[in-house]
């Protein structure tokens, strides 16, 4: 019997069969890898409306992802949008704004990942459903910490609110204030129409008026008038967006809407690799109005009531 010599007699075999086997292995490997790695994820983004903050978040998301996404606007018929999402095989649904979040979490597709951006108090909004995304509220503890870094100790910080859910947040702020040598004074507003009357009684009890997202401040006219009234009484106003600074507030915590989208894209990549998702704080920057500070010092006759202003920085985490 003739013994086969390794390699030599194998080469005499049919070359077409060998080539077919090699090509088959390469094809199957590419197919399997592409299904889990090479293919861009199929992502649908549902936008509640085309207001500027939502558009900026969408721009940040798209620019950071670097590949196409399917976009639906809620301005069209929501039922048509929902039907389109149900009929197509998406890997991830992204909501921008509360109406969009309510729509995508109403789709019964457990195998599809869901994420929300630009939603205030995301956990409470989606309760009892599992939330995922970036919240639109700066934690009050972070705001108190930033305020204490700007001002001297023992500042009396009044927080007006009318919504019941904000009462819980203010109660948390009262406890957190002790860590920053400050005092939080709750200012419940029972009737929005009498907001100025309720605040008039409090001006001599507070040094700072900290405004948080609440239906009290839905009107720009109310915000502008409120800031003027506070200035007349020597009370500094701290707001939650750039409009407060434009209207004469001393300080504001302004969320970077485009950066929310960028952070959202980073979160998308983590979700697509199988990482568990949770709710993250929004990226924001501190704004400071030096002219208003000079005015307040003249009104109160105090030149040493605040530390030197640190540089404006972006805060928050994702």
C-alpha atoms as a PDB file:
ATOM      1  CA  UNK A   1       0.000   0.000   0.000  1.00  0.00           C
ATOM      2  CA  UNK A   2       1.327   3.406  -0.976  1.00  0.00           C
ATOM      3  CA  UNK A   3       1.544   5.936   1.874  1.00  0.00           C
ATOM      4  CA  UNK A   4       0.319   9.436   1.248  1.00  0.00           C
ATOM      5  CA  UNK A   5       2.901  12.136   1.655  1.00  0.00           C
ATOM      6  CA  UNK A   6       1.555  15.125   3.572  1.00  0.00           C
ATOM      7  CA  UNK A   7       0.695  18.042   1.342  1.00  0.00           C
ATOM      8  CA  UNK A   8       1.856  16.498  -1.933  1.00  0.00           C
ATOM      9  CA  UNK A   9      -0.972  14.053  -2.671  1.00  0.00           C
ATOM     10  CA  UNK A  10      -3.551  16.454  -1.201  1.00  0.00           C
ATOM     11  CA  UNK A  11      -2.587  18.981  -3.852  1.00  0.00           C
ATOM     12  CA  UNK A  12      -3.500  16.456  -6.509  1.00  0.00           C
ATOM     13  CA  UNK A  13      -7.112  16.534  -5.356  1.00  0.00           C
ATOM     14  CA  UNK A  14      -9.788  18.461  -7.203  1.00  0.00           C
ATOM     15  CA  UNK A  15      -8.871  22.187  -6.885  1.00  0.00           C
ATOM     16  CA  UNK A  16     -12.447  23.336  -7.529  1.00  0.00           C
ATOM     17  CA  UNK A  17     -13.713  21.569  -4.407  1.00  0.00           C
ATOM     18  CA  UNK A  18     -10.987  23.130  -2.261  1.00  0.00           C
ATOM     19  CA  UNK A  19     -11.775  26.580  -3.630  1.00  0.00           C
ATOM     20  CA  UNK A  20     -15.499  26.087  -2.986  1.00  0.00           C
ATOM     21  CA  UNK A  21     -14.890  25.082   0.641  1.00  0.00           C
ATOM     22  CA  UNK A  22     -12.668  28.115   1.257  1.00  0.00           C
ATOM     23  CA  UNK A  23     -15.172  30.511  -0.293  1.00  0.00           C
ATOM     24  CA  UNK A  24     -18.000  28.974   1.723  1.00  0.00           C
ATOM     25  CA  UNK A  25     -16.093  29.458   4.987  1.00  0.00           C
ATOM     26  CA  UNK A  26     -15.308  33.088   4.158  1.00  0.00           C
ATOM     27  CA  UNK A  27     -18.927  33.802   3.152  1.00  0.00           C
ATOM     28  CA  UNK A  28     -20.415  32.261   6.281  1.00  0.00           C
ATOM     29  CA  UNK A  29     -17.947  34.061   8.539  1.00  0.00           C
ATOM     30  CA  UNK A  30     -18.734  37.378   6.905  1.00  0.00           C
ATOM     31  CA  UNK A  31     -22.470  36.746   7.155  1.00  0.00           C
ATOM     32  CA  UNK A  32     -22.344  35.894  10.846  1.00  0.00           C
ATOM     33  CA  UNK A  33     -20.042  38.777  11.729  1.00  0.00           C
ATOM     34  CA  UNK A  34     -22.000  41.273   9.677  1.00  0.00           C
ATOM     35  CA  UNK A  35     -25.245  40.358  11.416  1.00  0.00           C
ATOM     36  CA  UNK A  36     -23.822  41.369  14.777  1.00  0.00           C
ATOM     37  CA  UNK A  37     -21.067  43.843  14.046  1.00  0.00           C
ATOM     38  CA  UNK A  38     -20.626  45.303  10.591  1.00  0.00           C
ATOM     39  CA  UNK A  39     -24.215  46.324   9.886  1.00  0.00           C
ATOM     40  CA  UNK A  40     -25.235  49.751  11.075  1.00  0.00           C
ATOM     41  CA  UNK A  41     -28.081  49.448  13.597  1.00  0.00           C
ATOM     42  CA  UNK A  42     -31.529  50.341  12.287  1.00  0.00           C
ATOM     43  CA  UNK A  43     -32.561  53.362  14.349  1.00  0.00           C
ATOM     44  CA  UNK A  44     -35.762  55.403  14.237  1.00  0.00           C
ATOM     45  CA  UNK A  45     -35.917  58.833  15.897  1.00  0.00           C
ATOM     46  CA  UNK A  46     -39.332  60.241  16.804  1.00  0.00           C
ATOM     47  CA  UNK A  47     -39.387  64.012  17.414  1.00  0.00           C
ATOM     48  CA  UNK A  48     -42.257  65.525  19.423  1.00  0.00           C
ATOM     49  CA  UNK A  49     -42.177  68.848  17.540  1.00  0.00           C
ATOM     50  CA  UNK A  50     -39.785  71.005  15.572  1.00  0.00           C
ATOM     51  CA  UNK A  51     -39.006  73.501  18.328  1.00  0.00           C
ATOM     52  CA  UNK A  52     -35.383  74.646  18.524  1.00  0.00           C
ATOM     53  CA  UNK A  53     -34.255  72.574  21.564  1.00  0.00           C
ATOM     54  CA  UNK A  54     -35.505  69.354  19.974  1.00  0.00           C
ATOM     55  CA  UNK A  55     -33.927  70.211  16.616  1.00  0.00           C
ATOM     56  CA  UNK A  56     -30.590  70.907  18.310  1.00  0.00           C
ATOM     57  CA  UNK A  57     -30.729  67.568  20.143  1.00  0.00           C
ATOM     58  CA  UNK A  58     -31.522  65.809  16.868  1.00  0.00           C
ATOM     59  CA  UNK A  59     -28.582  67.534  15.144  1.00  0.00           C
ATOM     60  CA  UNK A  60     -26.224  66.444  17.910  1.00  0.00           C
ATOM     61  CA  UNK A  61     -27.474  62.870  17.732  1.00  0.00           C
ATOM     62  CA  UNK A  62     -27.135  62.582  13.953  1.00  0.00           C
ATOM     63  CA  UNK A  63     -23.740  64.263  13.752  1.00  0.00           C
ATOM     64  CA  UNK A  64     -22.241  62.002  16.399  1.00  0.00           C
ATOM     65  CA  UNK A  65     -23.716  58.740  15.079  1.00  0.00           C
ATOM     66  CA  UNK A  66     -22.273  59.262  11.613  1.00  0.00           C
ATOM     67  CA  UNK A  67     -24.756  57.030   9.774  1.00  0.00           C
ATOM     68  CA  UNK A  68     -28.344  57.530   8.562  1.00  0.00           C
ATOM     69  CA  UNK A  69     -31.337  57.227  10.874  1.00  0.00           C
ATOM     70  CA  UNK A  70     -35.050  57.219  10.058  1.00  0.00           C
ATOM     71  CA  UNK A  71     -36.784  60.327  11.406  1.00  0.00           C
ATOM     72  CA  UNK A  72     -40.473  60.698  12.222  1.00  0.00           C
ATOM     73  CA  UNK A  73     -42.051  63.995  13.291  1.00  0.00           C
ATOM     74  CA  UNK A  74     -45.075  63.993  15.564  1.00  0.00           C
ATOM     75  CA  UNK A  75     -46.503  66.920  13.624  1.00  0.00           C
ATOM     76  CA  UNK A  76     -47.944  64.345  11.274  1.00  0.00           C
ATOM     77  CA  UNK A  77     -50.606  61.880  12.394  1.00  0.00           C
ATOM     78  CA  UNK A  78     -49.216  60.095  15.500  1.00  0.00           C
ATOM     79  CA  UNK A  79     -51.088  56.923  14.629  1.00  0.00           C
ATOM     80  CA  UNK A  80     -49.402  56.814  11.230  1.00  0.00           C
ATOM     81  CA  UNK A  81     -46.039  57.266  12.927  1.00  0.00           C
ATOM     82  CA  UNK A  82     -46.820  54.488  15.387  1.00  0.00           C
ATOM     83  CA  UNK A  83     -47.968  52.154  12.633  1.00  0.00           C
ATOM     84  CA  UNK A  84     -44.789  52.798  10.675  1.00  0.00           C
ATOM     85  CA  UNK A  85     -42.666  51.969  13.703  1.00  0.00           C
ATOM     86  CA  UNK A  86     -44.601  48.759  14.340  1.00  0.00           C
ATOM     87  CA  UNK A  87     -44.350  47.562  10.753  1.00  0.00           C
ATOM     88  CA  UNK A  88     -40.588  48.014  10.354  1.00  0.00           C
ATOM     89  CA  UNK A  89     -37.830  46.063  12.066  1.00  0.00           C
ATOM     90  CA  UNK A  90     -35.876  48.674  14.007  1.00  0.00           C
ATOM     91  CA  UNK A  91     -33.164  47.821  16.511  1.00  0.00           C
ATOM     92  CA  UNK A  92     -33.665  50.989  18.557  1.00  0.00           C
ATOM     93  CA  UNK A  93     -36.346  53.659  18.922  1.00  0.00           C
ATOM     94  CA  UNK A  94     -35.220  57.081  20.146  1.00  0.00           C
ATOM     95  CA  UNK A  95     -37.739  59.643  21.424  1.00  0.00           C
ATOM     96  CA  UNK A  96     -36.985  63.364  21.538  1.00  0.00           C
ATOM     97  CA  UNK A  97     -39.524  65.093  23.761  1.00  0.00           C
ATOM     98  CA  UNK A  98     -42.289  63.738  26.053  1.00  0.00           C
ATOM     99  CA  UNK A  99     -44.953  63.095  23.402  1.00  0.00           C
ATOM    100  CA  UNK A 100     -42.523  60.998  21.389  1.00  0.00           C
ATOM    101  CA  UNK A 101     -41.479  59.093  24.519  1.00  0.00           C
ATOM    102  CA  UNK A 102     -45.090  58.326  25.351  1.00  0.00           C
ATOM    103  CA  UNK A 103     -45.619  57.034  21.803  1.00  0.00           C
ATOM    104  CA  UNK A 104     -42.624  54.705  21.530  1.00  0.00           C
ATOM    105  CA  UNK A 105     -43.094  53.230  25.011  1.00  0.00           C
ATOM    106  CA  UNK A 106     -46.669  52.503  23.966  1.00  0.00           C
ATOM    107  CA  UNK A 107     -45.412  50.130  21.257  1.00  0.00           C
ATOM    108  CA  UNK A 108     -45.527  46.529  22.457  1.00  0.00           C
ATOM    109  CA  UNK A 109     -42.210  45.307  21.037  1.00  0.00           C
ATOM    110  CA  UNK A 110     -40.121  43.965  23.964  1.00  0.00           C
ATOM    111  CA  UNK A 111     -37.272  42.986  21.633  1.00  0.00           C
ATOM    112  CA  UNK A 112     -36.772  46.594  20.466  1.00  0.00           C
ATOM    113  CA  UNK A 113     -34.565  48.900  22.558  1.00  0.00           C
ATOM    114  CA  UNK A 114     -36.032  52.281  23.525  1.00  0.00           C
ATOM    115  CA  UNK A 115     -34.357  55.493  24.630  1.00  0.00           C
ATOM    116  CA  UNK A 116     -35.594  59.027  25.396  1.00  0.00           C
ATOM    117  CA  UNK A 117     -33.996  62.474  25.245  1.00  0.00           C
ATOM    118  CA  UNK A 118     -35.357  65.886  26.250  1.00  0.00           C
ATOM    119  CA  UNK A 119     -37.904  64.575  28.770  1.00  0.00           C
ATOM    120  CA  UNK A 120     -38.247  66.212  32.192  1.00  0.00           C
ATOM    121  CA  UNK A 121     -38.206  63.787  35.143  1.00  0.00           C
ATOM    122  CA  UNK A 122     -37.903  60.770  32.874  1.00  0.00           C
ATOM    123  CA  UNK A 123     -38.232  58.138  35.594  1.00  0.00           C
ATOM    124  CA  UNK A 124     -41.485  59.572  36.915  1.00  0.00           C
ATOM    125  CA  UNK A 125     -42.775  60.233  33.397  1.00  0.00           C
ATOM    126  CA  UNK A 126     -42.434  56.576  32.326  1.00  0.00           C
ATOM    127  CA  UNK A 127     -43.247  54.946  35.668  1.00  0.00           C
ATOM    128  CA  UNK A 128     -43.789  51.997  36.042  1.00  0.00           C
ATOM    129  CA  UNK A 129     -42.059  51.262  32.716  1.00  0.00           C
ATOM    130  CA  UNK A 130     -38.249  50.935  32.747  1.00  0.00           C
ATOM    131  CA  UNK A 131     -36.722  54.307  31.760  1.00  0.00           C
ATOM    132  CA  UNK A 132     -33.675  54.817  29.570  1.00  0.00           C
ATOM    133  CA  UNK A 133     -32.077  58.035  28.338  1.00  0.00           C
ATOM    134  CA  UNK A 134     -30.968  61.484  29.416  1.00  0.00           C
ATOM    135  CA  UNK A 135     -33.153  63.550  31.733  1.00  0.00           C
ATOM    136  CA  UNK A 136     -33.879  67.222  31.160  1.00  0.00           C
ATOM    137  CA  UNK A 137     -33.680  68.300  34.809  1.00  0.00           C
ATOM    138  CA  UNK A 138     -30.467  69.386  36.508  1.00  0.00           C
ATOM    139  CA  UNK A 139     -30.454  67.746  39.974  1.00  0.00           C
ATOM    140  CA  UNK A 140     -31.197  70.302  42.679  1.00  0.00           C
ATOM    141  CA  UNK A 141     -28.272  69.053  44.765  1.00  0.00           C
ATOM    142  CA  UNK A 142     -25.897  70.007  41.942  1.00  0.00           C
ATOM    143  CA  UNK A 143     -27.520  73.432  41.682  1.00  0.00           C
ATOM    144  CA  UNK A 144     -27.165  74.034  45.434  1.00  0.00           C
ATOM    145  CA  UNK A 145     -23.537  72.957  45.290  1.00  0.00           C
ATOM    146  CA  UNK A 146     -22.845  75.409  42.447  1.00  0.00           C
ATOM    147  CA  UNK A 147     -24.647  78.245  44.251  1.00  0.00           C
ATOM    148  CA  UNK A 148     -22.680  77.620  47.445  1.00  0.00           C
ATOM    149  CA  UNK A 149     -19.452  77.851  45.438  1.00  0.00           C
ATOM    150  CA  UNK A 150     -20.438  81.338  44.260  1.00  0.00           C
ATOM    151  CA  UNK A 151     -21.844  82.850  47.445  1.00  0.00           C
ATOM    152  CA  UNK A 152     -20.920  83.067  51.095  1.00  0.00           C
ATOM    153  CA  UNK A 153     -22.348  80.579  53.603  1.00  0.00           C
ATOM    154  CA  UNK A 154     -25.825  80.667  55.127  1.00  0.00           C
ATOM    155  CA  UNK A 155     -27.574  81.914  52.014  1.00  0.00           C
ATOM    156  CA  UNK A 156     -31.360  81.668  52.215  1.00  0.00           C
ATOM    157  CA  UNK A 157     -32.539  80.120  48.951  1.00  0.00           C
ATOM    158  CA  UNK A 158     -36.245  80.389  48.165  1.00  0.00           C
ATOM    159  CA  UNK A 159     -37.714  77.884  45.691  1.00  0.00           C
ATOM    160  CA  UNK A 160     -41.207  78.712  44.357  1.00  0.00           C
ATOM    161  CA  UNK A 161     -43.346  75.849  43.044  1.00  0.00           C
ATOM    162  CA  UNK A 162     -46.962  75.089  42.221  1.00  0.00           C
ATOM    163  CA  UNK A 163     -46.872  71.480  41.005  1.00  0.00           C
ATOM    164  CA  UNK A 164     -47.272  68.714  43.640  1.00  0.00           C
ATOM    165  CA  UNK A 165     -44.389  66.684  42.216  1.00  0.00           C
ATOM    166  CA  UNK A 166     -42.062  69.649  42.720  1.00  0.00           C
ATOM    167  CA  UNK A 167     -42.915  69.656  46.426  1.00  0.00           C
ATOM    168  CA  UNK A 168     -41.029  66.362  46.716  1.00  0.00           C
ATOM    169  CA  UNK A 169     -38.005  67.839  44.948  1.00  0.00           C
ATOM    170  CA  UNK A 170     -37.995  70.873  47.245  1.00  0.00           C
ATOM    171  CA  UNK A 171     -38.169  68.603  50.305  1.00  0.00           C
ATOM    172  CA  UNK A 172     -35.087  66.785  49.006  1.00  0.00           C
ATOM    173  CA  UNK A 173     -33.365  70.143  48.472  1.00  0.00           C
ATOM    174  CA  UNK A 174     -34.099  71.151  52.089  1.00  0.00           C
ATOM    175  CA  UNK A 175     -32.175  68.088  53.303  1.00  0.00           C
ATOM    176  CA  UNK A 176     -29.346  68.529  50.778  1.00  0.00           C
ATOM    177  CA  UNK A 177     -28.834  72.211  51.656  1.00  0.00           C
ATOM    178  CA  UNK A 178     -27.221  71.330  54.979  1.00  0.00           C
ATOM    179  CA  UNK A 179     -24.239  69.884  53.121  1.00  0.00           C
ATOM    180  CA  UNK A 180     -23.605  73.254  51.486  1.00  0.00           C
ATOM    181  CA  UNK A 181     -24.155  75.554  54.490  1.00  0.00           C
ATOM    182  CA  UNK A 182     -27.315  76.962  52.944  1.00  0.00           C
ATOM    183  CA  UNK A 183     -30.987  77.110  53.868  1.00  0.00           C
ATOM    184  CA  UNK A 184     -33.794  76.254  51.473  1.00  0.00           C
ATOM    185  CA  UNK A 185     -37.063  78.108  51.969  1.00  0.00           C
ATOM    186  CA  UNK A 186     -40.035  76.443  50.213  1.00  0.00           C
ATOM    187  CA  UNK A 187     -42.463  78.886  48.560  1.00  0.00           C
ATOM    188  CA  UNK A 188     -45.657  77.055  47.584  1.00  0.00           C
ATOM    189  CA  UNK A 189     -47.741  78.966  45.037  1.00  0.00           C
ATOM    190  CA  UNK A 190     -51.396  78.008  45.336  1.00  0.00           C
ATOM    191  CA  UNK A 191     -52.719  80.307  42.634  1.00  0.00           C
ATOM    192  CA  UNK A 192     -50.463  81.109  39.679  1.00  0.00           C
ATOM    193  CA  UNK A 193     -52.413  84.316  39.084  1.00  0.00           C
ATOM    194  CA  UNK A 194     -51.319  85.557  42.512  1.00  0.00           C
ATOM    195  CA  UNK A 195     -47.683  84.501  42.168  1.00  0.00           C
ATOM    196  CA  UNK A 196     -46.356  88.033  42.734  1.00  0.00           C
ATOM    197  CA  UNK A 197     -48.503  88.499  45.830  1.00  0.00           C
ATOM    198  CA  UNK A 198     -47.190  85.240  47.300  1.00  0.00           C
ATOM    199  CA  UNK A 199     -43.591  86.198  46.541  1.00  0.00           C
ATOM    200  CA  UNK A 200     -43.929  89.708  47.959  1.00  0.00           C
ATOM    201  CA  UNK A 201     -44.359  88.211  51.411  1.00  0.00           C
ATOM    202  CA  UNK A 202     -41.084  86.288  51.048  1.00  0.00           C
ATOM    203  CA  UNK A 203     -38.595  88.870  49.780  1.00  0.00           C
ATOM    204  CA  UNK A 204     -37.342  89.756  53.273  1.00  0.00           C
ATOM    205  CA  UNK A 205     -36.877  86.065  54.111  1.00  0.00           C
ATOM    206  CA  UNK A 206     -34.639  85.045  51.201  1.00  0.00           C
ATOM    207  CA  UNK A 207     -31.367  86.102  49.536  1.00  0.00           C
ATOM    208  CA  UNK A 208     -31.741  84.049  46.355  1.00  0.00           C
ATOM    209  CA  UNK A 209     -34.769  82.962  44.355  1.00  0.00           C
ATOM    210  CA  UNK A 210     -34.013  79.624  42.667  1.00  0.00           C
ATOM    211  CA  UNK A 211     -36.411  78.952  39.792  1.00  0.00           C
ATOM    212  CA  UNK A 212     -37.001  75.332  38.798  1.00  0.00           C
ATOM    213  CA  UNK A 213     -39.086  74.058  35.853  1.00  0.00           C
ATOM    214  CA  UNK A 214     -42.697  74.625  36.938  1.00  0.00           C
ATOM    215  CA  UNK A 215     -45.860  75.893  35.281  1.00  0.00           C
ATOM    216  CA  UNK A 216     -45.354  79.188  37.160  1.00  0.00           C
ATOM    217  CA  UNK A 217     -42.782  80.162  34.539  1.00  0.00           C
ATOM    218  CA  UNK A 218     -44.585  79.219  31.334  1.00  0.00           C
ATOM    219  CA  UNK A 219     -44.879  82.899  30.363  1.00  0.00           C
ATOM    220  CA  UNK A 220     -41.812  84.938  29.384  1.00  0.00           C
ATOM    221  CA  UNK A 221     -43.645  88.041  30.600  1.00  0.00           C
ATOM    222  CA  UNK A 222     -44.004  86.535  34.076  1.00  0.00           C
ATOM    223  CA  UNK A 223     -40.304  85.622  34.185  1.00  0.00           C
ATOM    224  CA  UNK A 224     -39.242  89.116  33.113  1.00  0.00           C
ATOM    225  CA  UNK A 225     -41.495  90.862  35.641  1.00  0.00           C
ATOM    226  CA  UNK A 226     -40.495  88.474  38.415  1.00  0.00           C
ATOM    227  CA  UNK A 227     -36.781  89.146  37.892  1.00  0.00           C
ATOM    228  CA  UNK A 228     -37.346  92.919  37.985  1.00  0.00           C
ATOM    229  CA  UNK A 229     -39.312  92.635  41.224  1.00  0.00           C
ATOM    230  CA  UNK A 230     -36.552  90.555  42.799  1.00  0.00           C
ATOM    231  CA  UNK A 231     -33.866  93.029  41.767  1.00  0.00           C
ATOM    232  CA  UNK A 232     -35.819  95.879  43.340  1.00  0.00           C
ATOM    233  CA  UNK A 233     -35.798  93.957  46.628  1.00  0.00           C
ATOM    234  CA  UNK A 234     -32.111  92.983  46.362  1.00  0.00           C
ATOM    235  CA  UNK A 235     -32.884  89.311  45.732  1.00  0.00           C
ATOM    236  CA  UNK A 236     -30.727  87.429  43.221  1.00  0.00           C
ATOM    237  CA  UNK A 237     -32.532  85.197  40.727  1.00  0.00           C
ATOM    238  CA  UNK A 238     -31.089  81.879  39.562  1.00  0.00           C
ATOM    239  CA  UNK A 239     -32.850  80.381  36.539  1.00  0.00           C
ATOM    240  CA  UNK A 240     -32.804  77.190  34.500  1.00  0.00           C
ATOM    241  CA  UNK A 241     -32.124  78.405  30.956  1.00  0.00           C
ATOM    242  CA  UNK A 242     -30.455  81.228  29.032  1.00  0.00           C
ATOM    243  CA  UNK A 243     -33.645  83.296  28.833  1.00  0.00           C
ATOM    244  CA  UNK A 244     -33.327  84.028  32.559  1.00  0.00           C
ATOM    245  CA  UNK A 245     -29.875  85.527  31.988  1.00  0.00           C
ATOM    246  CA  UNK A 246     -31.199  87.623  29.104  1.00  0.00           C
ATOM    247  CA  UNK A 247     -33.987  88.872  31.371  1.00  0.00           C
ATOM    248  CA  UNK A 248     -31.700  89.957  34.207  1.00  0.00           C
ATOM    249  CA  UNK A 249     -31.114  86.868  36.336  1.00  0.00           C
ATOM    250  CA  UNK A 250     -27.781  86.661  38.132  1.00  0.00           C
ATOM    251  CA  UNK A 251     -27.123  83.016  37.368  1.00  0.00           C
ATOM    252  CA  UNK A 252     -28.581  80.182  35.300  1.00  0.00           C
ATOM    253  CA  UNK A 253     -28.076  76.480  34.739  1.00  0.00           C
ATOM    254  CA  UNK A 254     -28.412  76.161  30.980  1.00  0.00           C
ATOM    255  CA  UNK A 255     -28.702  72.732  29.386  1.00  0.00           C
ATOM    256  CA  UNK A 256     -26.691  72.245  26.204  1.00  0.00           C
ATOM    257  CA  UNK A 257     -29.364  70.764  23.941  1.00  0.00           C
ATOM    258  CA  UNK A 258     -27.006  69.774  21.131  1.00  0.00           C
ATOM    259  CA  UNK A 259     -24.701  68.093  23.616  1.00  0.00           C
ATOM    260  CA  UNK A 260     -27.709  66.144  24.904  1.00  0.00           C
ATOM    261  CA  UNK A 261     -27.944  64.664  21.396  1.00  0.00           C
ATOM    262  CA  UNK A 262     -24.210  63.946  21.298  1.00  0.00           C
ATOM    263  CA  UNK A 263     -24.400  62.176  24.660  1.00  0.00           C
ATOM    264  CA  UNK A 264     -27.458  60.346  23.344  1.00  0.00           C
ATOM    265  CA  UNK A 265     -25.419  59.003  20.421  1.00  0.00           C
ATOM    266  CA  UNK A 266     -22.783  57.741  22.851  1.00  0.00           C
ATOM    267  CA  UNK A 267     -25.553  56.015  24.790  1.00  0.00           C
ATOM    268  CA  UNK A 268     -26.882  54.464  21.569  1.00  0.00           C
ATOM    269  CA  UNK A 269     -23.520  52.816  20.935  1.00  0.00           C
ATOM    270  CA  UNK A 270     -23.440  51.378  24.449  1.00  0.00           C
ATOM    271  CA  UNK A 271     -26.991  50.049  24.150  1.00  0.00           C
ATOM    272  CA  UNK A 272     -26.167  48.407  20.825  1.00  0.00           C
ATOM    273  CA  UNK A 273     -23.268  46.535  22.454  1.00  0.00           C
ATOM    274  CA  UNK A 274     -25.640  45.099  25.031  1.00  0.00           C
ATOM    275  CA  UNK A 275     -24.917  47.393  27.976  1.00  0.00           C
ATOM    276  CA  UNK A 276     -27.855  47.983  30.341  1.00  0.00           C
ATOM    277  CA  UNK A 277     -29.409  51.429  30.072  1.00  0.00           C
ATOM    278  CA  UNK A 278     -30.470  53.831  32.808  1.00  0.00           C
ATOM    279  CA  UNK A 279     -31.282  57.541  33.225  1.00  0.00           C
ATOM    280  CA  UNK A 280     -28.420  60.034  33.104  1.00  0.00           C
ATOM    281  CA  UNK A 281     -28.183  63.683  34.153  1.00  0.00           C
ATOM    282  CA  UNK A 282     -28.119  66.299  31.379  1.00  0.00           C
ATOM    283  CA  UNK A 283     -24.999  68.210  30.328  1.00  0.00           C
ATOM    284  CA  UNK A 284     -25.274  71.859  31.343  1.00  0.00           C
ATOM    285  CA  UNK A 285     -23.230  74.999  31.864  1.00  0.00           C
ATOM    286  CA  UNK A 286     -23.348  77.662  34.535  1.00  0.00           C
ATOM    287  CA  UNK A 287     -24.008  81.194  33.306  1.00  0.00           C
ATOM    288  CA  UNK A 288     -23.206  84.277  35.378  1.00  0.00           C
ATOM    289  CA  UNK A 289     -24.336  87.888  34.814  1.00  0.00           C
ATOM    290  CA  UNK A 290     -21.615  90.196  36.140  1.00  0.00           C
ATOM    291  CA  UNK A 291     -23.610  93.387  35.466  1.00  0.00           C
ATOM    292  CA  UNK A 292     -26.487  92.115  37.581  1.00  0.00           C
ATOM    293  CA  UNK A 293     -24.048  91.188  40.329  1.00  0.00           C
ATOM    294  CA  UNK A 294     -22.687  94.735  40.383  1.00  0.00           C
ATOM    295  CA  UNK A 295     -26.241  96.065  40.594  1.00  0.00           C
ATOM    296  CA  UNK A 296     -27.110  93.772  43.502  1.00  0.00           C
ATOM    297  CA  UNK A 297     -24.016  94.807  45.415  1.00  0.00           C
ATOM    298  CA  UNK A 298     -25.022  98.447  45.099  1.00  0.00           C
ATOM    299  CA  UNK A 299     -28.577  97.713  46.207  1.00  0.00           C
ATOM    300  CA  UNK A 300     -27.524  95.663  49.230  1.00  0.00           C
ATOM    301  CA  UNK A 301     -24.408  97.689  49.961  1.00  0.00           C
ATOM    302  CA  UNK A 302     -22.373  94.501  50.289  1.00  0.00           C
ATOM    303  CA  UNK A 303     -19.047  94.016  48.574  1.00  0.00           C
ATOM    304  CA  UNK A 304     -18.014  90.746  50.154  1.00  0.00           C
ATOM    305  CA  UNK A 305     -21.136  88.618  49.848  1.00  0.00           C
ATOM    306  CA  UNK A 306     -19.789  86.294  47.180  1.00  0.00           C
ATOM    307  CA  UNK A 307     -16.616  84.518  46.273  1.00  0.00           C
ATOM    308  CA  UNK A 308     -14.801  85.406  43.018  1.00  0.00           C
ATOM    309  CA  UNK A 309     -16.741  83.994  40.090  1.00  0.00           C
ATOM    310  CA  UNK A 310     -15.215  80.771  38.797  1.00  0.00           C
ATOM    311  CA  UNK A 311     -14.986  80.191  35.062  1.00  0.00           C
ATOM    312  CA  UNK A 312     -18.170  78.993  33.400  1.00  0.00           C
ATOM    313  CA  UNK A 313     -17.958  75.269  32.875  1.00  0.00           C
ATOM    314  CA  UNK A 314     -20.083  72.468  31.517  1.00  0.00           C
ATOM    315  CA  UNK A 315     -21.374  70.127  34.177  1.00  0.00           C
ATOM    316  CA  UNK A 316     -23.603  67.105  34.458  1.00  0.00           C
ATOM    317  CA  UNK A 317     -22.794  63.567  33.363  1.00  0.00           C
ATOM    318  CA  UNK A 318     -23.861  61.000  30.848  1.00  0.00           C
END
